[in-house]
């Protein structure tokens, strides 16, 4: 597979975008853009956890419903979810109905609620590798796990967070702009 593709606007993009308009929008407007804020990073953590074992486009297409079902990923609200909410979410075909992931999201919200404002943001960003680094030329140059994502995962797990493995955390680091894995030649690089 070529490392880059040309879109309908003739811009060169990372080939993982394919020809899907939503993926193209996500690539162009979100992926690799620095994201800050406890609530925003809690949402990323949650969605990346739900993505484990699935394709990101599946999560991206379900994201509006996820946001509705999980109260906009407000950690204070989600932390109050109980058994009835778990059952409600398990019955919601608009999200990924995985009990372990739903319960982890609620548990993770409770942990975020216990933190001081800005603490989750500061914690996660403390694992961002120093830049600049060599821009990847192909997807083969993009790691699935790094020492930084492994360290982030280890610290989050030590604090009790779930569904925060090193691969999931590297995907979060890419998505939240802690690393920039846009390939050489991509218009976003």
C-alpha atoms as a PDB file:
ATOM      1  CA  UNK A   1       0.000   0.000   0.000  1.00  0.00           C
ATOM      2  CA  UNK A   2       1.249   3.497  -0.787  1.00  0.00           C
ATOM      3  CA  UNK A   3       2.074   5.617   2.238  1.00  0.00           C
ATOM      4  CA  UNK A   4      -0.002   8.526   0.924  1.00  0.00           C
ATOM      5  CA  UNK A   5      -3.172   8.967  -1.087  1.00  0.00           C
ATOM      6  CA  UNK A   6      -4.587  11.957  -2.916  1.00  0.00           C
ATOM      7  CA  UNK A   7      -8.026  13.113  -1.876  1.00  0.00           C
ATOM      8  CA  UNK A   8     -10.706  14.753  -3.992  1.00  0.00           C
ATOM      9  CA  UNK A   9      -9.094  18.107  -3.080  1.00  0.00           C
ATOM     10  CA  UNK A  10      -5.757  16.761  -4.437  1.00  0.00           C
ATOM     11  CA  UNK A  11      -4.110  17.013  -1.014  1.00  0.00           C
ATOM     12  CA  UNK A  12      -1.801  14.162  -0.061  1.00  0.00           C
ATOM     13  CA  UNK A  13      -2.877  12.354   3.104  1.00  0.00           C
ATOM     14  CA  UNK A  14      -1.800   9.355   5.158  1.00  0.00           C
ATOM     15  CA  UNK A  15      -3.151   6.317   3.277  1.00  0.00           C
ATOM     16  CA  UNK A  16      -5.091   4.949   6.290  1.00  0.00           C
ATOM     17  CA  UNK A  17      -7.714   7.596   5.511  1.00  0.00           C
ATOM     18  CA  UNK A  18      -8.820   5.713   2.393  1.00  0.00           C
ATOM     19  CA  UNK A  19     -11.754   7.282   0.587  1.00  0.00           C
ATOM     20  CA  UNK A  20     -14.042   7.692   3.611  1.00  0.00           C
ATOM     21  CA  UNK A  21     -15.162  11.322   4.037  1.00  0.00           C
ATOM     22  CA  UNK A  22     -15.470  11.032   7.842  1.00  0.00           C
ATOM     23  CA  UNK A  23     -11.989   9.533   8.124  1.00  0.00           C
ATOM     24  CA  UNK A  24     -10.663  12.327   5.894  1.00  0.00           C
ATOM     25  CA  UNK A  25     -12.289  14.973   8.124  1.00  0.00           C
ATOM     26  CA  UNK A  26     -10.919  13.275  11.256  1.00  0.00           C
ATOM     27  CA  UNK A  27      -7.410  13.097   9.745  1.00  0.00           C
ATOM     28  CA  UNK A  28      -7.494  16.715   8.573  1.00  0.00           C
ATOM     29  CA  UNK A  29      -9.091  18.323  11.636  1.00  0.00           C
ATOM     30  CA  UNK A  30      -8.368  16.152  14.681  1.00  0.00           C
ATOM     31  CA  UNK A  31      -5.744  13.422  14.436  1.00  0.00           C
ATOM     32  CA  UNK A  32      -2.385  14.690  15.630  1.00  0.00           C
ATOM     33  CA  UNK A  33      -3.766  18.046  16.799  1.00  0.00           C
ATOM     34  CA  UNK A  34      -2.793  18.829  20.413  1.00  0.00           C
ATOM     35  CA  UNK A  35      -5.782  18.212  22.674  1.00  0.00           C
ATOM     36  CA  UNK A  36      -5.958  19.463  26.240  1.00  0.00           C
ATOM     37  CA  UNK A  37      -8.496  19.357  29.059  1.00  0.00           C
ATOM     38  CA  UNK A  38      -9.479  16.644  31.491  1.00  0.00           C
ATOM     39  CA  UNK A  39     -12.903  16.111  29.936  1.00  0.00           C
ATOM     40  CA  UNK A  40     -11.570  15.943  26.368  1.00  0.00           C
ATOM     41  CA  UNK A  41      -8.805  13.539  27.359  1.00  0.00           C
ATOM     42  CA  UNK A  42     -11.239  11.424  29.401  1.00  0.00           C
ATOM     43  CA  UNK A  43     -13.372  11.125  26.251  1.00  0.00           C
ATOM     44  CA  UNK A  44     -10.315  10.115  24.185  1.00  0.00           C
ATOM     45  CA  UNK A  45      -9.268   7.582  26.827  1.00  0.00           C
ATOM     46  CA  UNK A  46     -12.782   6.139  26.893  1.00  0.00           C
ATOM     47  CA  UNK A  47     -13.218   5.940  23.127  1.00  0.00           C
ATOM     48  CA  UNK A  48      -9.751   4.470  22.623  1.00  0.00           C
ATOM     49  CA  UNK A  49     -10.656   1.848  25.246  1.00  0.00           C
ATOM     50  CA  UNK A  50     -13.864   1.021  23.387  1.00  0.00           C
ATOM     51  CA  UNK A  51     -11.859   0.797  20.150  1.00  0.00           C
ATOM     52  CA  UNK A  52      -9.603  -1.980  21.471  1.00  0.00           C
ATOM     53  CA  UNK A  53     -10.074  -4.910  19.087  1.00  0.00           C
ATOM     54  CA  UNK A  54     -12.143  -2.867  16.620  1.00  0.00           C
ATOM     55  CA  UNK A  55     -11.440  -0.382  13.846  1.00  0.00           C
ATOM     56  CA  UNK A  56     -11.306   3.309  14.719  1.00  0.00           C
ATOM     57  CA  UNK A  57     -13.832   4.178  11.992  1.00  0.00           C
ATOM     58  CA  UNK A  58     -16.404   2.079  13.872  1.00  0.00           C
ATOM     59  CA  UNK A  59     -15.883   4.240  16.968  1.00  0.00           C
ATOM     60  CA  UNK A  60     -15.769   7.454  14.972  1.00  0.00           C
ATOM     61  CA  UNK A  61     -19.133   6.712  13.371  1.00  0.00           C
ATOM     62  CA  UNK A  62     -20.635   5.874  16.766  1.00  0.00           C
ATOM     63  CA  UNK A  63     -19.027   8.815  18.566  1.00  0.00           C
ATOM     64  CA  UNK A  64     -22.112  11.086  18.494  1.00  0.00           C
ATOM     65  CA  UNK A  65     -24.173   8.367  20.188  1.00  0.00           C
ATOM     66  CA  UNK A  66     -21.366   7.616  22.648  1.00  0.00           C
ATOM     67  CA  UNK A  67     -21.380  11.293  23.612  1.00  0.00           C
ATOM     68  CA  UNK A  68     -25.126  11.239  24.216  1.00  0.00           C
ATOM     69  CA  UNK A  69     -25.074   7.941  26.114  1.00  0.00           C
ATOM     70  CA  UNK A  70     -22.140   9.000  28.318  1.00  0.00           C
ATOM     71  CA  UNK A  71     -23.388  12.530  29.143  1.00  0.00           C
ATOM     72  CA  UNK A  72     -20.816  14.244  26.946  1.00  0.00           C
ATOM     73  CA  UNK A  73     -18.101  12.309  28.786  1.00  0.00           C
ATOM     74  CA  UNK A  74     -18.457  14.604  31.783  1.00  0.00           C
ATOM     75  CA  UNK A  75     -16.471  12.602  34.372  1.00  0.00           C
ATOM     76  CA  UNK A  76     -18.567  13.973  37.246  1.00  0.00           C
ATOM     77  CA  UNK A  77     -21.802  12.758  35.644  1.00  0.00           C
ATOM     78  CA  UNK A  78     -20.434   9.423  34.383  1.00  0.00           C
ATOM     79  CA  UNK A  79     -18.933   8.731  37.827  1.00  0.00           C
ATOM     80  CA  UNK A  80     -22.489   8.667  39.210  1.00  0.00           C
ATOM     81  CA  UNK A  81     -23.670   5.980  36.758  1.00  0.00           C
ATOM     82  CA  UNK A  82     -24.945   2.875  38.491  1.00  0.00           C
ATOM     83  CA  UNK A  83     -26.238  -0.590  37.666  1.00  0.00           C
ATOM     84  CA  UNK A  84     -29.296   0.781  35.853  1.00  0.00           C
ATOM     85  CA  UNK A  85     -27.070   2.902  33.641  1.00  0.00           C
ATOM     86  CA  UNK A  86     -24.883  -0.089  32.813  1.00  0.00           C
ATOM     87  CA  UNK A  87     -28.001  -1.998  31.736  1.00  0.00           C
ATOM     88  CA  UNK A  88     -29.237   1.007  29.728  1.00  0.00           C
ATOM     89  CA  UNK A  89     -25.878   1.197  27.953  1.00  0.00           C
ATOM     90  CA  UNK A  90     -25.808  -2.555  27.341  1.00  0.00           C
ATOM     91  CA  UNK A  91     -29.133  -2.190  25.519  1.00  0.00           C
ATOM     92  CA  UNK A  92     -27.973   0.766  23.383  1.00  0.00           C
ATOM     93  CA  UNK A  93     -27.198  -0.485  19.861  1.00  0.00           C
ATOM     94  CA  UNK A  94     -25.686   2.916  19.035  1.00  0.00           C
ATOM     95  CA  UNK A  95     -22.552   2.219  21.092  1.00  0.00           C
ATOM     96  CA  UNK A  96     -20.229  -0.747  21.602  1.00  0.00           C
ATOM     97  CA  UNK A  97     -22.083  -2.965  24.065  1.00  0.00           C
ATOM     98  CA  UNK A  98     -19.218  -4.463  25.988  1.00  0.00           C
ATOM     99  CA  UNK A  99     -19.913  -4.669  29.724  1.00  0.00           C
ATOM    100  CA  UNK A 100     -16.241  -4.643  30.733  1.00  0.00           C
ATOM    101  CA  UNK A 101     -15.558  -1.516  28.666  1.00  0.00           C
ATOM    102  CA  UNK A 102     -18.696   0.236  29.938  1.00  0.00           C
ATOM    103  CA  UNK A 103     -17.834  -0.553  33.550  1.00  0.00           C
ATOM    104  CA  UNK A 104     -14.221   0.530  32.983  1.00  0.00           C
ATOM    105  CA  UNK A 105     -15.407   3.873  31.593  1.00  0.00           C
ATOM    106  CA  UNK A 106     -17.551   4.461  34.678  1.00  0.00           C
ATOM    107  CA  UNK A 107     -14.724   3.396  36.986  1.00  0.00           C
ATOM    108  CA  UNK A 108     -12.253   5.597  35.125  1.00  0.00           C
ATOM    109  CA  UNK A 109     -14.657   8.544  35.466  1.00  0.00           C
ATOM    110  CA  UNK A 110     -14.661   8.023  39.226  1.00  0.00           C
ATOM    111  CA  UNK A 111     -10.873   8.173  39.250  1.00  0.00           C
ATOM    112  CA  UNK A 112     -10.842  11.347  37.151  1.00  0.00           C
ATOM    113  CA  UNK A 113     -13.408  12.915  39.502  1.00  0.00           C
ATOM    114  CA  UNK A 114     -11.013  12.310  42.418  1.00  0.00           C
ATOM    115  CA  UNK A 115      -8.233  14.223  40.645  1.00  0.00           C
ATOM    116  CA  UNK A 116      -7.759  17.971  40.876  1.00  0.00           C
ATOM    117  CA  UNK A 117      -8.759  20.012  37.858  1.00  0.00           C
ATOM    118  CA  UNK A 118      -6.100  19.746  35.177  1.00  0.00           C
ATOM    119  CA  UNK A 119      -4.402  16.764  36.803  1.00  0.00           C
ATOM    120  CA  UNK A 120      -5.391  14.219  34.139  1.00  0.00           C
ATOM    121  CA  UNK A 121      -4.217  16.587  31.387  1.00  0.00           C
ATOM    122  CA  UNK A 122      -0.891  17.224  33.115  1.00  0.00           C
ATOM    123  CA  UNK A 123      -0.395  13.540  33.859  1.00  0.00           C
ATOM    124  CA  UNK A 124      -1.061  12.375  30.304  1.00  0.00           C
ATOM    125  CA  UNK A 125       0.961  15.126  28.653  1.00  0.00           C
ATOM    126  CA  UNK A 126       3.896  14.399  30.979  1.00  0.00           C
ATOM    127  CA  UNK A 127       4.456  11.257  28.874  1.00  0.00           C
ATOM    128  CA  UNK A 128       4.609  13.089  25.526  1.00  0.00           C
ATOM    129  CA  UNK A 129       8.044  12.456  24.043  1.00  0.00           C
ATOM    130  CA  UNK A 130      10.267  15.461  23.486  1.00  0.00           C
ATOM    131  CA  UNK A 131      10.247  16.689  19.920  1.00  0.00           C
ATOM    132  CA  UNK A 132      11.066  17.056  17.186  1.00  0.00           C
ATOM    133  CA  UNK A 133      11.541  13.524  15.985  1.00  0.00           C
ATOM    134  CA  UNK A 134      12.043  11.926  12.599  1.00  0.00           C
ATOM    135  CA  UNK A 135       8.831  12.001  10.613  1.00  0.00           C
ATOM    136  CA  UNK A 136       7.707   8.510   9.538  1.00  0.00           C
ATOM    137  CA  UNK A 137       7.936   7.797   5.815  1.00  0.00           C
ATOM    138  CA  UNK A 138       5.513   4.854   5.854  1.00  0.00           C
ATOM    139  CA  UNK A 139       3.146   3.154   8.269  1.00  0.00           C
ATOM    140  CA  UNK A 140       5.864   0.556   8.818  1.00  0.00           C
ATOM    141  CA  UNK A 141       7.825   3.341  10.540  1.00  0.00           C
ATOM    142  CA  UNK A 142       4.977   4.046  12.978  1.00  0.00           C
ATOM    143  CA  UNK A 143       5.219   2.032  16.196  1.00  0.00           C
ATOM    144  CA  UNK A 144       2.252   0.459  17.936  1.00  0.00           C
ATOM    145  CA  UNK A 145       3.868   0.884  21.360  1.00  0.00           C
ATOM    146  CA  UNK A 146       6.611   3.181  22.639  1.00  0.00           C
ATOM    147  CA  UNK A 147       8.463   3.476  25.936  1.00  0.00           C
ATOM    148  CA  UNK A 148       6.343   6.571  26.637  1.00  0.00           C
ATOM    149  CA  UNK A 149       3.016   4.836  25.971  1.00  0.00           C
ATOM    150  CA  UNK A 150       4.153   1.911  28.095  1.00  0.00           C
ATOM    151  CA  UNK A 151       5.076   4.261  30.944  1.00  0.00           C
ATOM    152  CA  UNK A 152       1.740   6.116  30.626  1.00  0.00           C
ATOM    153  CA  UNK A 153      -0.151   2.838  30.674  1.00  0.00           C
ATOM    154  CA  UNK A 154       1.769   1.609  33.702  1.00  0.00           C
ATOM    155  CA  UNK A 155       1.094   4.811  35.665  1.00  0.00           C
ATOM    156  CA  UNK A 156      -2.598   4.908  34.757  1.00  0.00           C
ATOM    157  CA  UNK A 157      -3.000   1.247  35.732  1.00  0.00           C
ATOM    158  CA  UNK A 158      -1.144   1.900  38.990  1.00  0.00           C
ATOM    159  CA  UNK A 159      -3.805   4.525  39.709  1.00  0.00           C
ATOM    160  CA  UNK A 160      -6.583   2.022  38.961  1.00  0.00           C
ATOM    161  CA  UNK A 161      -7.548   2.963  35.385  1.00  0.00           C
ATOM    162  CA  UNK A 162      -8.644   0.150  33.066  1.00  0.00           C
ATOM    163  CA  UNK A 163      -8.512  -0.415  29.291  1.00  0.00           C
ATOM    164  CA  UNK A 164      -5.389   1.748  29.134  1.00  0.00           C
ATOM    165  CA  UNK A 165      -2.845  -0.696  27.699  1.00  0.00           C
ATOM    166  CA  UNK A 166       0.326   0.559  25.990  1.00  0.00           C
ATOM    167  CA  UNK A 167      -1.051   0.146  22.456  1.00  0.00           C
ATOM    168  CA  UNK A 168      -4.285   1.916  23.378  1.00  0.00           C
ATOM    169  CA  UNK A 169      -2.314   4.715  25.014  1.00  0.00           C
ATOM    170  CA  UNK A 170      -0.101   5.120  21.948  1.00  0.00           C
ATOM    171  CA  UNK A 171      -3.227   5.478  19.810  1.00  0.00           C
ATOM    172  CA  UNK A 172      -4.431   8.135  22.269  1.00  0.00           C
ATOM    173  CA  UNK A 173      -1.045   9.892  22.063  1.00  0.00           C
ATOM    174  CA  UNK A 174      -1.357   9.999  18.264  1.00  0.00           C
ATOM    175  CA  UNK A 175      -4.968  11.124  18.312  1.00  0.00           C
ATOM    176  CA  UNK A 176      -4.413  13.804  20.975  1.00  0.00           C
ATOM    177  CA  UNK A 177      -1.318  15.209  19.274  1.00  0.00           C
ATOM    178  CA  UNK A 178       1.171  14.098  21.921  1.00  0.00           C
ATOM    179  CA  UNK A 179       3.021  12.593  18.979  1.00  0.00           C
ATOM    180  CA  UNK A 180       2.693  13.563  15.323  1.00  0.00           C
ATOM    181  CA  UNK A 181       2.675  10.491  13.109  1.00  0.00           C
ATOM    182  CA  UNK A 182       1.460  12.188   9.931  1.00  0.00           C
ATOM    183  CA  UNK A 183       3.665  10.674   7.271  1.00  0.00           C
ATOM    184  CA  UNK A 184       6.293  12.591   5.354  1.00  0.00           C
ATOM    185  CA  UNK A 185       4.550  14.261   2.413  1.00  0.00           C
ATOM    186  CA  UNK A 186       1.142  14.400   4.104  1.00  0.00           C
ATOM    187  CA  UNK A 187      -0.273  17.914   3.901  1.00  0.00           C
ATOM    188  CA  UNK A 188      -0.744  17.854   7.700  1.00  0.00           C
ATOM    189  CA  UNK A 189       2.908  16.960   8.358  1.00  0.00           C
END
